Amino acid sequence: MRRLLPGELRSTPESKRFGAALKSVLRGTSQLRDIDTLLLTLKAHGRDLPPGVLVNLGNQRSDAAARSKVASKVLAEAPPPELDPYSVSGRKLSRKLGRRLSRQSASVAALLPKVVTDEANISELHTLRKEVKKLRYLLELDERTPRELPTLTKWQDSLGAIHDLDVAMAYLEDRGVGPGARAVSGLKKERHLAYLRFVNEYRNDSDSLGDDRILAAGVATRRSES
């Protein structure tokens, strides 16, 4: 939302201070969320894990929580600047949102064919997860509820589940747990099933929405300008 504001409003000292504090909070809470998810994923395989893995993660979580707490205090001391709504052009704001929606939906559409044809495209899968998340959040700024929003929310959840399992396997690999270990084998099976679920969702949703629906995600916003 902040990035959609005119440059002169984002460049004020108050706005820059708020933006920096907000970025710090987002970074800290994101790390905390990742550790929590990793803990939850690995606890399901706790008996097959090497000693100390969960304890080490617990310590990392404590450190991340402390950093997030400090960042939150900084944010509380740097509230968002008050804006005069009449100083922001609704037409320009809508047009800017429309352009961002078009770019974001095109990015999602370009990644989908690479992802649904090969589950080994790990990098593309996780890039798609990020791009879907951005597109979903942009669509939520529309005063109406776009038809694509529920689909993107579902895809984000499914892609997130795949990502969480990949992170868990990478974490164990970094700690010397081989691919033949029971915990890793179990995670691989879960990951394969999660990938198949996403591909099935994509195919069903493409049939119901039409292949061009995601590409057309910015149309509703652009129409509001006329």
C-alpha atoms as a PDB file:
ATOM      1  CA  MET A   1       0.000   0.000   0.000  1.00  0.00           C
ATOM      2  CA  ARG A   2       2.793   2.379   0.885  1.00  0.00           C
ATOM      3  CA  ARG A   3       4.522   1.840  -2.456  1.00  0.00           C
ATOM      4  CA  LEU A   4       1.396   2.955  -4.289  1.00  0.00           C
ATOM      5  CA  LEU A   5       1.585   6.433  -2.734  1.00  0.00           C
ATOM      6  CA  PRO A   6       3.120   9.297  -4.732  1.00  0.00           C
ATOM      7  CA  GLY A   7       6.898   9.612  -4.488  1.00  0.00           C
ATOM      8  CA  GLU A   8       6.770  13.001  -2.767  1.00  0.00           C
ATOM      9  CA  LEU A   9       4.733  11.513   0.083  1.00  0.00           C
ATOM     10  CA  ARG A  10       7.043   8.505   0.466  1.00  0.00           C
ATOM     11  CA  SER A  11      10.157  10.701   0.485  1.00  0.00           C
ATOM     12  CA  THR A  12       9.345  12.736   3.603  1.00  0.00           C
ATOM     13  CA  PRO A  13      11.574  12.064   6.648  1.00  0.00           C
ATOM     14  CA  GLU A  14       8.608  10.716   8.616  1.00  0.00           C
ATOM     15  CA  SER A  15       7.600   8.367   5.833  1.00  0.00           C
ATOM     16  CA  LYS A  16      11.154   7.101   5.312  1.00  0.00           C
ATOM     17  CA  ARG A  17      11.565   6.480   9.034  1.00  0.00           C
ATOM     18  CA  PHE A  18       8.297   4.551   9.135  1.00  0.00           C
ATOM     19  CA  GLY A  19       9.256   2.572   6.009  1.00  0.00           C
ATOM     20  CA  ALA A  20      12.602   1.525   7.484  1.00  0.00           C
ATOM     21  CA  ALA A  21      11.017   0.501  10.787  1.00  0.00           C
ATOM     22  CA  LEU A  22       8.278  -1.418   9.006  1.00  0.00           C
ATOM     23  CA  LYS A  23      10.804  -3.290   6.858  1.00  0.00           C
ATOM     24  CA  SER A  24      12.722  -4.286   9.988  1.00  0.00           C
ATOM     25  CA  VAL A  25       9.577  -5.650  11.637  1.00  0.00           C
ATOM     26  CA  LEU A  26       8.575  -7.568   8.527  1.00  0.00           C
ATOM     27  CA  ARG A  27      12.046  -9.088   8.269  1.00  0.00           C
ATOM     28  CA  GLY A  28      12.093 -10.121  11.922  1.00  0.00           C
ATOM     29  CA  THR A  29       8.595 -11.557  12.063  1.00  0.00           C
ATOM     30  CA  SER A  30       9.182 -13.389   8.787  1.00  0.00           C
ATOM     31  CA  GLN A  31      12.208 -15.126  10.286  1.00  0.00           C
ATOM     32  CA  LEU A  32      10.187 -15.960  13.379  1.00  0.00           C
ATOM     33  CA  ARG A  33       7.380 -17.397  11.271  1.00  0.00           C
ATOM     34  CA  ASP A  34       9.855 -19.504   9.269  1.00  0.00           C
ATOM     35  CA  ILE A  35      11.344 -21.002  12.426  1.00  0.00           C
ATOM     36  CA  ASP A  36       7.904 -21.717  13.893  1.00  0.00           C
ATOM     37  CA  THR A  37       6.852 -23.467  10.685  1.00  0.00           C
ATOM     38  CA  LEU A  38      10.103 -25.445  10.550  1.00  0.00           C
ATOM     39  CA  LEU A  39       9.628 -26.546  14.151  1.00  0.00           C
ATOM     40  CA  LEU A  40       6.053 -27.629  13.453  1.00  0.00           C
ATOM     41  CA  THR A  41       7.099 -29.548  10.314  1.00  0.00           C
ATOM     42  CA  LEU A  42      10.004 -31.359  11.977  1.00  0.00           C
ATOM     43  CA  LYS A  43       8.187 -32.191  15.210  1.00  0.00           C
ATOM     44  CA  ALA A  44       5.999 -34.578  13.205  1.00  0.00           C
ATOM     45  CA  HIS A  45       9.199 -36.570  12.549  1.00  0.00           C
ATOM     46  CA  GLY A  46      10.726 -35.987  15.966  1.00  0.00           C
ATOM     47  CA  ARG A  47      11.614 -39.608  16.720  1.00  0.00           C
ATOM     48  CA  ASP A  48      13.588 -39.867  13.464  1.00  0.00           C
ATOM     49  CA  LEU A  49      15.622 -36.699  13.977  1.00  0.00           C
ATOM     50  CA  PRO A  50      19.203 -36.464  15.269  1.00  0.00           C
ATOM     51  CA  PRO A  51      19.495 -35.356  18.897  1.00  0.00           C
ATOM     52  CA  GLY A  52      19.534 -31.630  19.452  1.00  0.00           C
ATOM     53  CA  VAL A  53      17.862 -30.539  16.209  1.00  0.00           C
ATOM     54  CA  LEU A  54      14.676 -29.307  17.849  1.00  0.00           C
ATOM     55  CA  VAL A  55      16.575 -27.820  20.800  1.00  0.00           C
ATOM     56  CA  ASN A  56      18.794 -25.849  18.424  1.00  0.00           C
ATOM     57  CA  LEU A  57      15.746 -24.564  16.569  1.00  0.00           C
ATOM     58  CA  GLY A  58      14.156 -23.548  19.860  1.00  0.00           C
ATOM     59  CA  ASN A  59      17.227 -21.452  20.666  1.00  0.00           C
ATOM     60  CA  GLN A  60      17.101 -19.837  17.240  1.00  0.00           C
ATOM     61  CA  ARG A  61      13.463 -19.011  17.825  1.00  0.00           C
ATOM     62  CA  SER A  62      14.249 -17.260  21.103  1.00  0.00           C
ATOM     63  CA  ASP A  63      16.855 -15.102  19.372  1.00  0.00           C
ATOM     64  CA  ALA A  64      14.463 -14.257  16.500  1.00  0.00           C
ATOM     65  CA  ALA A  65      11.691 -13.374  18.949  1.00  0.00           C
ATOM     66  CA  ALA A  66      14.003 -11.004  20.810  1.00  0.00           C
ATOM     67  CA  ARG A  67      14.990  -9.249  17.562  1.00  0.00           C
ATOM     68  CA  SER A  68      11.343  -8.941  16.532  1.00  0.00           C
ATOM     69  CA  LYS A  69      10.462  -7.424  19.891  1.00  0.00           C
ATOM     70  CA  VAL A  70      13.140  -4.751  19.500  1.00  0.00           C
ATOM     71  CA  ALA A  71      12.007  -4.001  15.943  1.00  0.00           C
ATOM     72  CA  SER A  72       8.402  -3.687  17.107  1.00  0.00           C
ATOM     73  CA  LYS A  73       9.395  -1.106  19.709  1.00  0.00           C
ATOM     74  CA  VAL A  74      11.188   0.918  17.034  1.00  0.00           C
ATOM     75  CA  LEU A  75       8.091   0.780  14.838  1.00  0.00           C
ATOM     76  CA  ALA A  76       5.902   1.971  17.712  1.00  0.00           C
ATOM     77  CA  GLU A  77       8.140   5.038  17.977  1.00  0.00           C
ATOM     78  CA  ALA A  78       7.923   5.701  14.219  1.00  0.00           C
ATOM     79  CA  PRO A  79       4.191   5.755  13.430  1.00  0.00           C
ATOM     80  CA  PRO A  80       3.049   6.259   9.836  1.00  0.00           C
ATOM     81  CA  PRO A  81       2.823   9.933   8.890  1.00  0.00           C
ATOM     82  CA  GLU A  82      -0.614  11.460   8.670  1.00  0.00           C
ATOM     83  CA  LEU A  83      -1.678  12.015   5.074  1.00  0.00           C
ATOM     84  CA  ASP A  84      -4.208  14.410   3.657  1.00  0.00           C
ATOM     85  CA  PRO A  85      -6.459  12.184   1.507  1.00  0.00           C
ATOM     86  CA  TYR A  86      -7.177  15.123  -0.773  1.00  0.00           C
ATOM     87  CA  SER A  87      -3.477  15.320  -1.647  1.00  0.00           C
ATOM     88  CA  VAL A  88      -3.623  11.872  -3.273  1.00  0.00           C
ATOM     89  CA  SER A  89      -5.201  11.586  -6.713  1.00  0.00           C
ATOM     90  CA  GLY A  90      -7.594   8.653  -6.775  1.00  0.00           C
ATOM     91  CA  ARG A  91      -7.218   8.388 -10.535  1.00  0.00           C
ATOM     92  CA  LYS A  92      -3.413   8.227 -10.373  1.00  0.00           C
ATOM     93  CA  LEU A  93      -3.550   5.760  -7.493  1.00  0.00           C
ATOM     94  CA  SER A  94      -5.931   3.515  -9.398  1.00  0.00           C
ATOM     95  CA  ARG A  95      -3.829   3.728 -12.553  1.00  0.00           C
ATOM     96  CA  LYS A  96      -0.663   2.853 -10.643  1.00  0.00           C
ATOM     97  CA  LEU A  97      -2.373  -0.110  -9.006  1.00  0.00           C
ATOM     98  CA  GLY A  98      -3.592  -1.266 -12.408  1.00  0.00           C
ATOM     99  CA  ARG A  99      -0.066  -1.197 -13.838  1.00  0.00           C
ATOM    100  CA  ARG A 100       1.322  -3.144 -10.889  1.00  0.00           C
ATOM    101  CA  LEU A 101      -1.474  -5.700 -11.194  1.00  0.00           C
ATOM    102  CA  SER A 102      -0.742  -6.188 -14.874  1.00  0.00           C
ATOM    103  CA  ARG A 103       2.979  -6.727 -14.266  1.00  0.00           C
ATOM    104  CA  GLN A 104       2.356  -9.032 -11.331  1.00  0.00           C
ATOM    105  CA  SER A 105      -0.254 -11.160 -13.088  1.00  0.00           C
ATOM    106  CA  ALA A 106       2.028 -11.491 -16.132  1.00  0.00           C
ATOM    107  CA  SER A 107       4.826 -12.697 -13.850  1.00  0.00           C
ATOM    108  CA  VAL A 108       2.553 -15.351 -12.327  1.00  0.00           C
ATOM    109  CA  ALA A 109       1.313 -16.468 -15.745  1.00  0.00           C
ATOM    110  CA  ALA A 110       4.898 -16.841 -17.021  1.00  0.00           C
ATOM    111  CA  LEU A 111       5.947 -19.042 -14.096  1.00  0.00           C
ATOM    112  CA  LEU A 112       2.943 -21.378 -13.976  1.00  0.00           C
ATOM    113  CA  PRO A 113       3.841 -23.535 -17.049  1.00  0.00           C
ATOM    114  CA  LYS A 114       7.350 -24.153 -15.683  1.00  0.00           C
ATOM    115  CA  VAL A 115       6.074 -25.148 -12.273  1.00  0.00           C
ATOM    116  CA  VAL A 116       3.182 -27.464 -13.122  1.00  0.00           C
ATOM    117  CA  THR A 117       5.265 -29.588 -15.507  1.00  0.00           C
ATOM    118  CA  ASP A 118       8.220 -30.414 -13.223  1.00  0.00           C
ATOM    119  CA  GLU A 119       8.213 -30.614  -9.450  1.00  0.00           C
ATOM    120  CA  ALA A 120      12.023 -30.466  -9.466  1.00  0.00           C
ATOM    121  CA  ASN A 121      11.874 -26.766 -10.422  1.00  0.00           C
ATOM    122  CA  ILE A 122      12.290 -25.768  -6.797  1.00  0.00           C
ATOM    123  CA  SER A 123      13.498 -22.231  -7.459  1.00  0.00           C
ATOM    124  CA  GLU A 124      10.607 -21.489  -9.817  1.00  0.00           C
ATOM    125  CA  LEU A 125       8.104 -22.982  -7.364  1.00  0.00           C
ATOM    126  CA  HIS A 126       9.186 -20.694  -4.578  1.00  0.00           C
ATOM    127  CA  THR A 127       9.398 -17.670  -6.856  1.00  0.00           C
ATOM    128  CA  LEU A 128       5.831 -18.410  -7.945  1.00  0.00           C
ATOM    129  CA  ARG A 129       4.780 -18.560  -4.288  1.00  0.00           C
ATOM    130  CA  LYS A 130       6.146 -15.058  -3.728  1.00  0.00           C
ATOM    131  CA  GLU A 131       4.610 -13.670  -6.911  1.00  0.00           C
ATOM    132  CA  VAL A 132       1.201 -15.184  -6.121  1.00  0.00           C
ATOM    133  CA  LYS A 133       1.361 -13.639  -2.652  1.00  0.00           C
ATOM    134  CA  LYS A 134       2.133 -10.193  -4.073  1.00  0.00           C
ATOM    135  CA  LEU A 135      -0.659 -10.482  -6.631  1.00  0.00           C
ATOM    136  CA  ARG A 136      -3.135 -11.580  -3.986  1.00  0.00           C
ATOM    137  CA  TYR A 137      -2.274  -8.640  -1.732  1.00  0.00           C
ATOM    138  CA  LEU A 138      -2.593  -6.190  -4.622  1.00  0.00           C
ATOM    139  CA  LEU A 139      -6.015  -7.591  -5.515  1.00  0.00           C
ATOM    140  CA  GLU A 140      -7.133  -7.162  -1.907  1.00  0.00           C
ATOM    141  CA  LEU A 141      -6.697  -3.398  -2.354  1.00  0.00           C
ATOM    142  CA  ASP A 142      -9.581  -3.337  -4.840  1.00  0.00           C
ATOM    143  CA  GLU A 143     -12.835  -2.159  -3.241  1.00  0.00           C
ATOM    144  CA  ARG A 144     -14.584  -5.084  -4.881  1.00  0.00           C
ATOM    145  CA  THR A 145     -13.665  -8.766  -4.441  1.00  0.00           C
ATOM    146  CA  PRO A 146     -12.057  -9.933  -7.690  1.00  0.00           C
ATOM    147  CA  ARG A 147     -13.089 -13.349  -8.923  1.00  0.00           C
ATOM    148  CA  GLU A 148      -9.476 -14.538  -8.863  1.00  0.00           C
ATOM    149  CA  LEU A 149      -8.852 -13.735  -5.184  1.00  0.00           C
ATOM    150  CA  PRO A 150     -10.088 -17.012  -3.604  1.00  0.00           C
ATOM    151  CA  THR A 151      -8.083 -18.997  -6.154  1.00  0.00           C
ATOM    152  CA  LEU A 152      -4.881 -17.075  -5.460  1.00  0.00           C
ATOM    153  CA  THR A 153      -5.382 -17.470  -1.708  1.00  0.00           C
ATOM    154  CA  LYS A 154      -5.713 -21.227  -2.140  1.00  0.00           C
ATOM    155  CA  TRP A 155      -2.652 -21.384  -4.387  1.00  0.00           C
ATOM    156  CA  GLN A 156      -0.625 -19.377  -1.899  1.00  0.00           C
ATOM    157  CA  ASP A 157      -1.473 -21.857   0.857  1.00  0.00           C
ATOM    158  CA  SER A 158      -0.619 -24.858  -1.330  1.00  0.00           C
ATOM    159  CA  LEU A 159       2.654 -23.395  -2.567  1.00  0.00           C
ATOM    160  CA  GLY A 160       3.503 -22.408   0.998  1.00  0.00           C
ATOM    161  CA  ALA A 161       3.070 -26.027   2.137  1.00  0.00           C
ATOM    162  CA  ILE A 162       5.523 -27.181  -0.541  1.00  0.00           C
ATOM    163  CA  HIS A 163       7.976 -24.467   0.447  1.00  0.00           C
ATOM    164  CA  ASP A 164       7.819 -25.412   4.132  1.00  0.00           C
ATOM    165  CA  LEU A 165       8.720 -29.024   3.308  1.00  0.00           C
ATOM    166  CA  ASP A 166      11.601 -27.956   1.059  1.00  0.00           C
ATOM    167  CA  VAL A 167      12.950 -25.749   3.832  1.00  0.00           C
ATOM    168  CA  ALA A 168      12.737 -28.634   6.312  1.00  0.00           C
ATOM    169  CA  MET A 169      14.632 -31.002   4.004  1.00  0.00           C
ATOM    170  CA  ALA A 170      17.291 -28.379   3.276  1.00  0.00           C
ATOM    171  CA  TYR A 171      17.699 -27.731   7.010  1.00  0.00           C
ATOM    172  CA  LEU A 172      18.316 -31.425   7.703  1.00  0.00           C
ATOM    173  CA  GLU A 173      20.696 -31.707   4.753  1.00  0.00           C
ATOM    174  CA  ASP A 174      22.762 -28.806   6.092  1.00  0.00           C
ATOM    175  CA  ARG A 175      23.104 -30.755   9.330  1.00  0.00           C
ATOM    176  CA  GLY A 176      24.388 -33.888   7.683  1.00  0.00           C
ATOM    177  CA  VAL A 177      21.153 -35.859   7.573  1.00  0.00           C
ATOM    178  CA  GLY A 178      21.370 -37.979   4.415  1.00  0.00           C
ATOM    179  CA  PRO A 179      18.597 -38.442   1.822  1.00  0.00           C
ATOM    180  CA  GLY A 180      18.051 -42.027   2.990  1.00  0.00           C
ATOM    181  CA  ALA A 181      17.140 -41.044   6.556  1.00  0.00           C
ATOM    182  CA  ARG A 182      13.594 -41.847   7.628  1.00  0.00           C
ATOM    183  CA  ALA A 183      12.778 -38.230   8.430  1.00  0.00           C
ATOM    184  CA  VAL A 184      13.924 -37.047   4.984  1.00  0.00           C
ATOM    185  CA  SER A 185      12.080 -39.890   3.219  1.00  0.00           C
ATOM    186  CA  GLY A 186       8.889 -38.952   5.053  1.00  0.00           C
ATOM    187  CA  LEU A 187       9.273 -35.287   4.131  1.00  0.00           C
ATOM    188  CA  LYS A 188       9.866 -36.204   0.475  1.00  0.00           C
ATOM    189  CA  LYS A 189       6.631 -38.181   0.348  1.00  0.00           C
ATOM    190  CA  GLU A 190       4.705 -35.297   1.919  1.00  0.00           C
ATOM    191  CA  ARG A 191       6.278 -32.884  -0.531  1.00  0.00           C
ATOM    192  CA  HIS A 192       5.362 -35.004  -3.555  1.00  0.00           C
ATOM    193  CA  LEU A 193       1.730 -35.246  -2.428  1.00  0.00           C
ATOM    194  CA  ALA A 194       1.595 -31.487  -1.730  1.00  0.00           C
ATOM    195  CA  TYR A 195       2.932 -30.791  -5.227  1.00  0.00           C
ATOM    196  CA  LEU A 196       0.354 -33.083  -6.843  1.00  0.00           C
ATOM    197  CA  ARG A 197      -2.403 -31.308  -4.913  1.00  0.00           C
ATOM    198  CA  PHE A 198      -1.282 -27.943  -6.219  1.00  0.00           C
ATOM    199  CA  VAL A 199      -1.084 -29.154  -9.828  1.00  0.00           C
ATOM    200  CA  ASN A 200      -4.577 -30.611  -9.514  1.00  0.00           C
ATOM    201  CA  GLU A 201      -5.856 -27.321  -8.063  1.00  0.00           C
ATOM    202  CA  TYR A 202      -4.246 -25.368 -10.885  1.00  0.00           C
ATOM    203  CA  ARG A 203      -5.809 -27.545 -13.570  1.00  0.00           C
ATOM    204  CA  ASN A 204      -9.260 -27.424 -12.002  1.00  0.00           C
ATOM    205  CA  ASP A 205      -9.095 -23.676 -11.449  1.00  0.00           C
ATOM    206  CA  SER A 206      -7.834 -23.055 -14.981  1.00  0.00           C
ATOM    207  CA  ASP A 207     -10.842 -24.953 -16.322  1.00  0.00           C
ATOM    208  CA  SER A 208     -13.296 -22.987 -14.179  1.00  0.00           C
ATOM    209  CA  LEU A 209     -11.734 -19.516 -14.541  1.00  0.00           C
ATOM    210  CA  GLY A 210     -10.348 -19.776 -18.052  1.00  0.00           C
ATOM    211  CA  ASP A 211      -6.666 -19.613 -18.922  1.00  0.00           C
ATOM    212  CA  ASP A 212      -6.731 -15.835 -19.312  1.00  0.00           C
ATOM    213  CA  ARG A 213      -8.340 -15.001 -15.982  1.00  0.00           C
ATOM    214  CA  ILE A 214      -5.112 -14.534 -14.032  1.00  0.00           C
ATOM    215  CA  LEU A 215      -3.653 -12.424 -16.834  1.00  0.00           C
ATOM    216  CA  ALA A 216      -6.777 -10.274 -16.712  1.00  0.00           C
ATOM    217  CA  ALA A 217      -6.496  -9.656 -12.976  1.00  0.00           C
ATOM    218  CA  GLY A 218      -5.886  -5.919 -13.376  1.00  0.00           C
ATOM    219  CA  VAL A 219      -8.898  -5.232 -15.577  1.00  0.00           C
ATOM    220  CA  ALA A 220     -11.330  -4.432 -12.757  1.00  0.00           C
ATOM    221  CA  THR A 221      -9.034  -1.789 -11.320  1.00  0.00           C
ATOM    222  CA  ARG A 222      -8.356  -0.188 -14.682  1.00  0.00           C
ATOM    223  CA  ARG A 223     -12.074  -0.019 -15.385  1.00  0.00           C
ATOM    224  CA  SER A 224     -12.588   2.005 -12.219  1.00  0.00           C
ATOM    225  CA  GLU A 225     -10.606   4.857 -13.802  1.00  0.00           C
ATOM    226  CA  SER A 226     -13.156   5.425 -16.548  1.00  0.00           C
END
